[in-house]
Amino acid sequence: MNTQTPALEANNVTVAYSSAPVLRDLSLRVARGEIYALLGGNGAGKSTTLNTFLGFAHPQTGSVSVCGIDVGADALAARGQLAYVPENVALYEHLDARENLDYFLRLAGSDFTPAIIDDALNAVRLDQSAWKRRLGGYSKGMRQKVAIALAVARQVPVLLLDEPTTGLDPQATSEFNTLLQTLRARGSAIFMVTHDLLGAAEVADRIGFLERGHISHEFTASGTERYDVRDLYRRYAGATASAEAA
């Protein structure tokens, strides 16, 4: 992918269900090597935004692309450039970490070796003592690491995350944010939908607030403090209240 081509791009996108608009003239861009956090209240359109990039929601107006590939024209090719990690990770509990990666990589038709699987598990800092344990005994944080390792092993440039820190304790959240920074340093683009304002402020390069289907405010990290967290909270509280009142 050309480094100048946005990893994710939405231009003036409108999506409606049963004639009721969910996304209204949504525009955003995420560059390679960038972490973008999208926050908003219930019903603001966060899940629909993810589904639009995945090709499951179809815009009535506007365009959506993944690594320069028009999602509307070729959803399968666009999907091949990204990995999606849902809030509730669907992995096989009776298989161990390496077996899960092996199975899903084969299912995706990926070209891989055992060394690629090992490198991916090392990259997410999953303790080697857990590699051959069944996932039924894993914590949620450990499951998230396996899901991210699958994305790393697929070697795709874009990662979509849906509420990735829900249910994680503070230590697991910190470890997860460190993992995202490692992936960003490798050049991955990371787009995360979250309610965790403080976690987003810690790791995201940019934060967008989704309000009634469009970006009402967008902030860029700068300086040692990165963000004015109090201002972010005021904006977020306002966007959330607006979405829930709609």
Protein backbone atom coordinates (compact mmCIF):
# COMPACT_ATOMS: atom_id res chain seq x y z
CA MET A 1 0.00 0.00 0.00
CA ASN A 2 1.21 3.50 -0.83
CA THR A 3 1.98 5.16 2.50
CA GLN A 4 0.19 8.29 1.22
CA THR A 5 -3.03 6.36 0.65
CA PRO A 6 -5.28 6.41 3.73
CA ALA A 7 -5.63 3.02 5.40
CA LEU A 8 -9.29 3.84 6.02
CA GLU A 9 -11.33 6.58 4.43
CA ALA A 10 -14.99 7.57 4.55
CA ASN A 11 -16.17 10.50 2.43
CA ASN A 12 -19.58 12.08 3.08
CA VAL A 13 -21.16 8.74 3.97
CA THR A 14 -24.84 8.39 4.72
CA VAL A 15 -26.28 5.07 5.88
CA ALA A 16 -29.97 4.61 6.70
CA TYR A 17 -32.01 1.67 7.94
CA SER A 18 -35.70 1.69 6.98
CA SER A 19 -35.24 5.29 5.85
CA ALA A 20 -33.94 6.31 9.30
CA PRO A 21 -30.43 7.83 8.94
CA VAL A 22 -27.75 6.31 11.19
CA LEU A 23 -24.67 7.88 9.61
CA ARG A 24 -25.09 11.41 8.33
CA ASP A 25 -22.41 12.80 6.02
CA LEU A 26 -19.66 10.94 7.91
CA SER A 27 -16.09 11.76 6.83
CA LEU A 28 -12.89 10.47 8.43
CA ARG A 29 -9.43 9.23 7.51
CA VAL A 30 -6.99 6.95 9.27
CA ALA A 31 -3.37 6.82 8.11
CA ARG A 32 -1.03 3.86 8.21
CA GLY A 33 0.85 3.86 11.52
CA GLU A 34 -1.95 5.73 13.30
CA ILE A 35 -4.30 4.81 16.14
CA TYR A 36 -7.72 6.42 15.83
CA ALA A 37 -10.31 6.10 18.60
CA LEU A 38 -13.98 6.68 17.86
CA LEU A 39 -16.19 7.45 20.85
CA GLY A 40 -19.89 8.17 21.13
CA GLY A 41 -23.07 7.36 23.00
CA ASN A 42 -25.39 4.44 22.36
CA GLY A 43 -27.04 4.85 18.98
CA ALA A 44 -24.47 7.33 17.70
CA GLY A 45 -23.53 5.03 14.81
CA LYS A 46 -20.28 3.44 16.00
CA SER A 47 -21.20 -0.13 15.07
CA THR A 48 -22.58 1.00 11.73
CA THR A 49 -19.29 2.76 11.03
CA LEU A 50 -17.43 -0.51 11.59
CA ASN A 51 -19.93 -2.41 9.46
CA THR A 52 -19.52 0.12 6.67
CA PHE A 53 -15.75 -0.44 6.53
CA LEU A 54 -16.39 -4.19 6.63
CA GLY A 55 -18.82 -3.94 3.74
CA PHE A 56 -21.84 -5.14 5.71
CA ALA A 57 -23.61 -1.76 5.73
CA HIS A 58 -24.09 -0.07 2.37
CA PRO A 59 -23.98 3.73 2.07
CA GLN A 60 -26.83 5.51 0.29
CA THR A 61 -24.40 8.35 -0.45
CA GLY A 62 -20.64 8.81 -0.22
CA SER A 63 -17.78 6.34 -0.51
CA VAL A 64 -15.73 4.09 1.77
CA SER A 65 -12.29 2.65 1.06
CA VAL A 66 -9.74 0.38 2.76
CA CYS A 67 -6.14 0.89 1.59
CA GLY A 68 -7.48 2.59 -1.52
CA ILE A 69 -9.90 -0.24 -2.36
CA ASP A 70 -13.50 0.88 -2.80
CA VAL A 71 -15.54 -1.23 -0.37
CA GLY A 72 -18.71 -0.84 -2.41
CA ALA A 73 -16.98 -2.06 -5.59
CA ASP A 74 -15.04 -4.97 -4.07
CA ALA A 75 -15.88 -5.72 -0.44
CA LEU A 76 -13.94 -9.00 -0.39
CA ALA A 77 -10.72 -7.37 -1.59
CA ALA A 78 -11.16 -4.55 0.92
CA ARG A 79 -11.82 -7.05 3.71
CA GLY A 80 -8.62 -8.85 2.78
CA GLN A 81 -6.67 -5.78 3.92
CA LEU A 82 -8.00 -5.77 7.47
CA ALA A 83 -8.58 -7.82 10.57
CA TYR A 84 -11.64 -7.30 12.75
CA VAL A 85 -11.63 -8.06 16.47
CA PRO A 86 -15.16 -7.93 17.95
CA GLU A 87 -15.97 -7.14 21.55
CA ASN A 88 -16.59 -10.82 22.27
CA VAL A 89 -13.77 -12.69 20.60
CA ALA A 90 -14.95 -15.91 18.91
CA LEU A 91 -12.18 -18.50 19.32
CA TYR A 92 -12.29 -22.24 19.94
CA GLU A 93 -12.03 -22.94 23.66
CA HIS A 94 -11.02 -26.58 23.20
CA LEU A 95 -7.97 -25.56 21.13
CA ASP A 96 -4.80 -23.94 22.41
CA ALA A 97 -3.43 -20.61 21.17
CA ARG A 98 -1.23 -22.04 18.43
CA GLU A 99 -4.00 -24.37 17.23
CA ASN A 100 -6.47 -21.49 17.03
CA LEU A 101 -4.09 -19.41 14.94
CA ASP A 102 -3.25 -22.35 12.70
CA TYR A 103 -6.94 -23.11 12.10
CA PHE A 104 -8.05 -19.54 11.36
CA LEU A 105 -5.04 -18.77 9.16
CA ARG A 106 -5.80 -21.86 7.08
CA LEU A 107 -9.46 -20.84 6.92
CA ALA A 108 -8.43 -17.40 5.64
CA GLY A 109 -6.12 -18.95 3.04
CA SER A 110 -3.11 -17.16 4.53
CA ASP A 111 0.44 -18.13 3.61
CA PHE A 112 2.13 -18.86 6.94
CA THR A 113 4.67 -21.00 8.75
CA PRO A 114 4.88 -22.17 12.39
CA ALA A 115 7.53 -19.47 12.90
CA ILE A 116 5.04 -16.77 11.84
CA ILE A 117 2.58 -18.03 14.48
CA ASP A 118 5.29 -18.03 17.14
CA ASP A 119 6.43 -14.54 16.17
CA ALA A 120 2.84 -13.28 16.39
CA LEU A 121 2.30 -14.75 19.85
CA ASN A 122 5.60 -13.25 20.97
CA ALA A 123 4.62 -9.88 19.51
CA VAL A 124 1.47 -9.72 21.66
CA ARG A 125 3.48 -10.82 24.71
CA LEU A 126 1.43 -13.90 25.45
CA ASP A 127 3.46 -15.93 27.93
CA GLN A 128 4.88 -19.01 26.23
CA SER A 129 3.65 -21.20 29.08
CA ALA A 130 0.09 -20.46 27.86
CA TRP A 131 0.61 -21.28 24.19
CA LYS A 132 -0.36 -24.93 24.56
CA ARG A 133 -3.15 -24.41 27.08
CA ARG A 134 -6.75 -24.61 25.95
CA LEU A 135 -8.42 -21.23 25.62
CA GLY A 136 -11.19 -22.37 27.95
CA GLY A 137 -8.87 -21.47 30.83
CA TYR A 138 -7.83 -18.06 29.46
CA SER A 139 -8.76 -14.66 30.89
CA LYS A 140 -10.41 -12.13 28.59
CA GLY A 141 -7.15 -10.23 28.30
CA MET A 142 -5.35 -13.38 27.16
CA ARG A 143 -8.09 -14.09 24.61
CA GLN A 144 -7.69 -10.57 23.25
CA LYS A 145 -3.99 -11.20 22.82
CA VAL A 146 -4.68 -14.35 20.81
CA ALA A 147 -7.15 -12.46 18.61
CA ILE A 148 -4.61 -9.69 17.99
CA ALA A 149 -1.92 -12.30 17.34
CA LEU A 150 -4.14 -13.71 14.59
CA ALA A 151 -4.28 -10.24 13.02
CA VAL A 152 -0.49 -9.91 13.30
CA ALA A 153 0.06 -13.34 11.74
CA ARG A 154 -2.21 -12.44 8.82
CA GLN A 155 0.09 -9.47 8.19
CA VAL A 156 -2.72 -7.16 7.15
CA PRO A 157 -2.24 -3.39 7.31
CA VAL A 158 -5.49 -2.43 9.10
CA LEU A 159 -6.97 -3.52 12.43
CA LEU A 160 -10.57 -2.78 13.47
CA LEU A 161 -11.33 -3.12 17.20
CA ASP A 162 -14.78 -3.06 18.78
CA GLU A 163 -14.71 -2.14 22.50
CA PRO A 164 -11.33 -3.85 22.97
CA THR A 165 -10.85 -3.04 26.67
CA THR A 166 -14.33 -3.95 27.95
CA GLY A 167 -13.96 -6.31 30.89
CA LEU A 168 -10.19 -5.87 31.18
CA ASP A 169 -8.63 -4.92 34.51
CA PRO A 170 -6.26 -1.89 34.64
CA GLN A 171 -3.13 -4.01 34.22
CA ALA A 172 -4.56 -5.88 31.23
CA THR A 173 -5.70 -2.56 29.71
CA SER A 174 -2.20 -1.12 30.11
CA GLU A 175 -0.68 -4.20 28.48
CA PHE A 176 -3.21 -3.95 25.65
CA ASN A 177 -2.35 -0.31 25.02
CA THR A 178 1.35 -1.20 24.91
CA LEU A 179 0.51 -3.85 22.32
CA LEU A 180 -1.31 -1.29 20.17
CA GLN A 181 1.70 1.00 20.31
CA THR A 182 3.90 -1.89 19.14
CA LEU A 183 1.60 -2.55 16.20
CA ARG A 184 1.52 1.14 15.32
CA ALA A 185 5.34 1.17 15.28
CA ARG A 186 5.17 -1.67 12.75
CA GLY A 187 3.07 0.54 10.49
CA SER A 188 -0.37 -0.87 11.23
CA ALA A 189 -3.42 1.38 11.14
CA ILE A 190 -5.69 0.82 14.13
CA PHE A 191 -9.29 1.99 14.28
CA MET A 192 -10.96 1.35 17.62
CA VAL A 193 -14.53 1.95 18.74
CA THR A 194 -14.62 2.39 22.50
CA HIS A 195 -16.38 3.89 25.52
CA ASP A 196 -13.07 4.07 27.40
CA LEU A 197 -12.18 7.76 27.18
CA LEU A 198 -9.13 7.55 29.46
CA GLY A 199 -7.78 4.51 27.66
CA ALA A 200 -8.26 6.23 24.32
CA ALA A 201 -6.49 9.34 25.57
CA GLU A 202 -3.55 7.20 26.66
CA VAL A 203 -2.95 5.47 23.35
CA ALA A 204 -4.78 7.16 20.44
CA ASP A 205 -3.12 9.60 18.06
CA ARG A 206 -6.52 11.08 17.28
CA ILE A 207 -9.90 10.88 18.96
CA GLY A 208 -13.19 11.53 17.19
CA PHE A 209 -16.57 11.97 18.86
CA LEU A 210 -19.47 10.55 16.87
CA GLU A 211 -22.71 12.42 17.44
CA ARG A 212 -25.90 11.60 15.53
CA GLY A 213 -23.95 9.86 12.81
CA HIS A 214 -21.20 12.38 12.12
CA ILE A 215 -17.95 13.52 13.70
CA SER A 216 -18.83 16.46 15.91
CA HIS A 217 -15.33 16.98 17.38
CA GLU A 218 -11.90 15.60 16.60
CA PHE A 219 -8.73 15.97 18.67
CA THR A 220 -5.07 15.22 17.97
CA ALA A 221 -2.56 14.20 20.64
CA SER A 222 0.22 16.69 21.26
CA GLY A 223 2.88 17.37 23.88
CA THR A 224 3.70 15.29 26.92
CA GLU A 225 0.16 15.48 28.28
CA ARG A 226 -1.25 14.39 24.87
CA TYR A 227 -4.80 15.62 25.59
CA ASP A 228 -6.69 17.94 27.91
CA VAL A 229 -8.64 15.10 29.52
CA ARG A 230 -11.12 17.42 31.26
CA ASP A 231 -12.02 19.06 27.96
CA LEU A 232 -12.32 15.65 26.31
CA TYR A 233 -14.66 14.50 29.06
CA ARG A 234 -16.88 17.58 28.70
CA ARG A 235 -17.10 17.08 24.95
CA TYR A 236 -17.72 13.35 25.32
CA ALA A 237 -20.41 13.85 27.94
CA GLY A 238 -22.13 16.34 25.65
CA ALA A 239 -21.95 14.03 22.62
CA THR A 240 -23.24 11.09 24.65
CA ALA A 241 -26.17 13.04 26.07
CA SER A 242 -27.04 14.33 22.61
CA ALA A 243 -26.97 10.82 21.10
CA GLU A 244 -29.13 9.33 23.83
CA ALA A 245 -31.66 12.15 23.53
CA ALA A 246 -31.97 11.68 19.78
